[in-house]
Amino acid sequence: MVEVADIFLRHGPEYREKFSSRMLPSHLKAMEAIEQCRTDALGGKVYFCNSCQEYHYSYHSCQNRHCPKCQNDQADAWLEDQKDLLLPVPYFMVTFTLPKELRSLVRSHQKELYNLLFRCSAAALQELARDQRFVGGKIGMVGVLQTWTRDLFYHPHIHYLVPGGGLSPDGTQWLSSSKDFLVHTRPLSVLFRAKFRDALKKTDLFPLIDPDVWKKQWVVDCEPVGAGEEAFRYLAPYIFRVAISNNRILKLEDGRVTFEYKDSDSGRSKLCTLSAEEFIRRFLQHVLPDRFVKVRYYGFLAPTNRHLLDSIRGLLGAPAVERKPAGTDSDAKEPGEGLRCPKCGAILIFVQTLEPRSRLPP
């Protein structure tokens, strides 16, 4: 199977030689991490199988959030952490998308404008939801930034998971939404556009924008996505998915990469073939700035407001959630405990730790 790491290892040196003076440090860091992930460069552990009489090597992962190898197993852990936030109500997915006329500017000023996208979209949704024609109260939201389409084009947008209802202004009532309606998207789109425009006016970037963008309809979508844990499972892949998974890459041949994607209009699988250079360029434009927070919580789901959840559950007649104190998981295992031989299934015996090699040059 071809992996992103294979493409970076084979064609990354040429790419860096050609573009390193224009590459962001975060892009160089991501490339290096993906190339070294689960190799002897990062060190690891050696195990022995008594049954097969063979040694097995378990190399450390890079833990880079853009690495396809490292993001596959984190959704379940995140879902477990979200159980304290669950409410017995319908949930909605609200998606805010920036128009194509802004994407070039956003790509060149990612940290500032991603933060602006979060701030303005969250404020617009909370403001409209407070209107008595809709929820009429304080809602809760968890949002995640995504920047790609399935064929790796740059397409920044935010998905918000929103419980269907809100807390009344005086905190004494739960105001339920319909199971299939939260807010109208047309006024939400107008409000979002106005807030983004007003925020941009306070920056030096506003004169760089085509004025026609403020006259067009901005895309906002709102869809019901089920209830409880089902709704959080709907959101989890958006949080831990990277721009492309290794299993979608079909071929690396003659300097060209072929991968599979699903067409959003027809729902059919299609193939895309790019030069290795173009593939790397498309992949790297989705690498987020260092320490940028891509998952954010608002309203009564904000960390400072979560004391309200017990009151909301009381108003809903739902049982309180028993929170497990940190560090009390009796099922916790030491790293590597219980590893089994991939050939015969026998428990592997730890032999030694392998130290990381010195870091490769970028």
Foldseek 3Di string as FASTA:
>chain_A
DDFPLNLCVVCVVVLCVVCVVPDDPLLVVVSLQQVCAQHLQAWFFWWADPVVRDIDTTGHGSCALQHLVNLPPCLVVVLVVCQQVFDFFWKKKKKFWADPLCQVVCLVVVQVVVVLLVVLLVVLLQVQLCDPVFQVAWWKWKKFWFAADLVLAGIIMMIIMTGAWHAHPVRQATRGGDNWDGGDVQVSQLSSLVSSLVVCVVDPCNVVGDVCSNVDGTDMDMGTQGHTSSSSVVCSCSHRPHNDHGVQWDDQPPQKTKGWGADPPPRHIDIDIDGSSVVSVSRSSRRHPPPRDRMAMDTCRHPVNVVSVVSVCVNVVHDNDDDDDPPPPPPDDDVQPQDADPPPGHGIGTDDIRHRDPRDDD
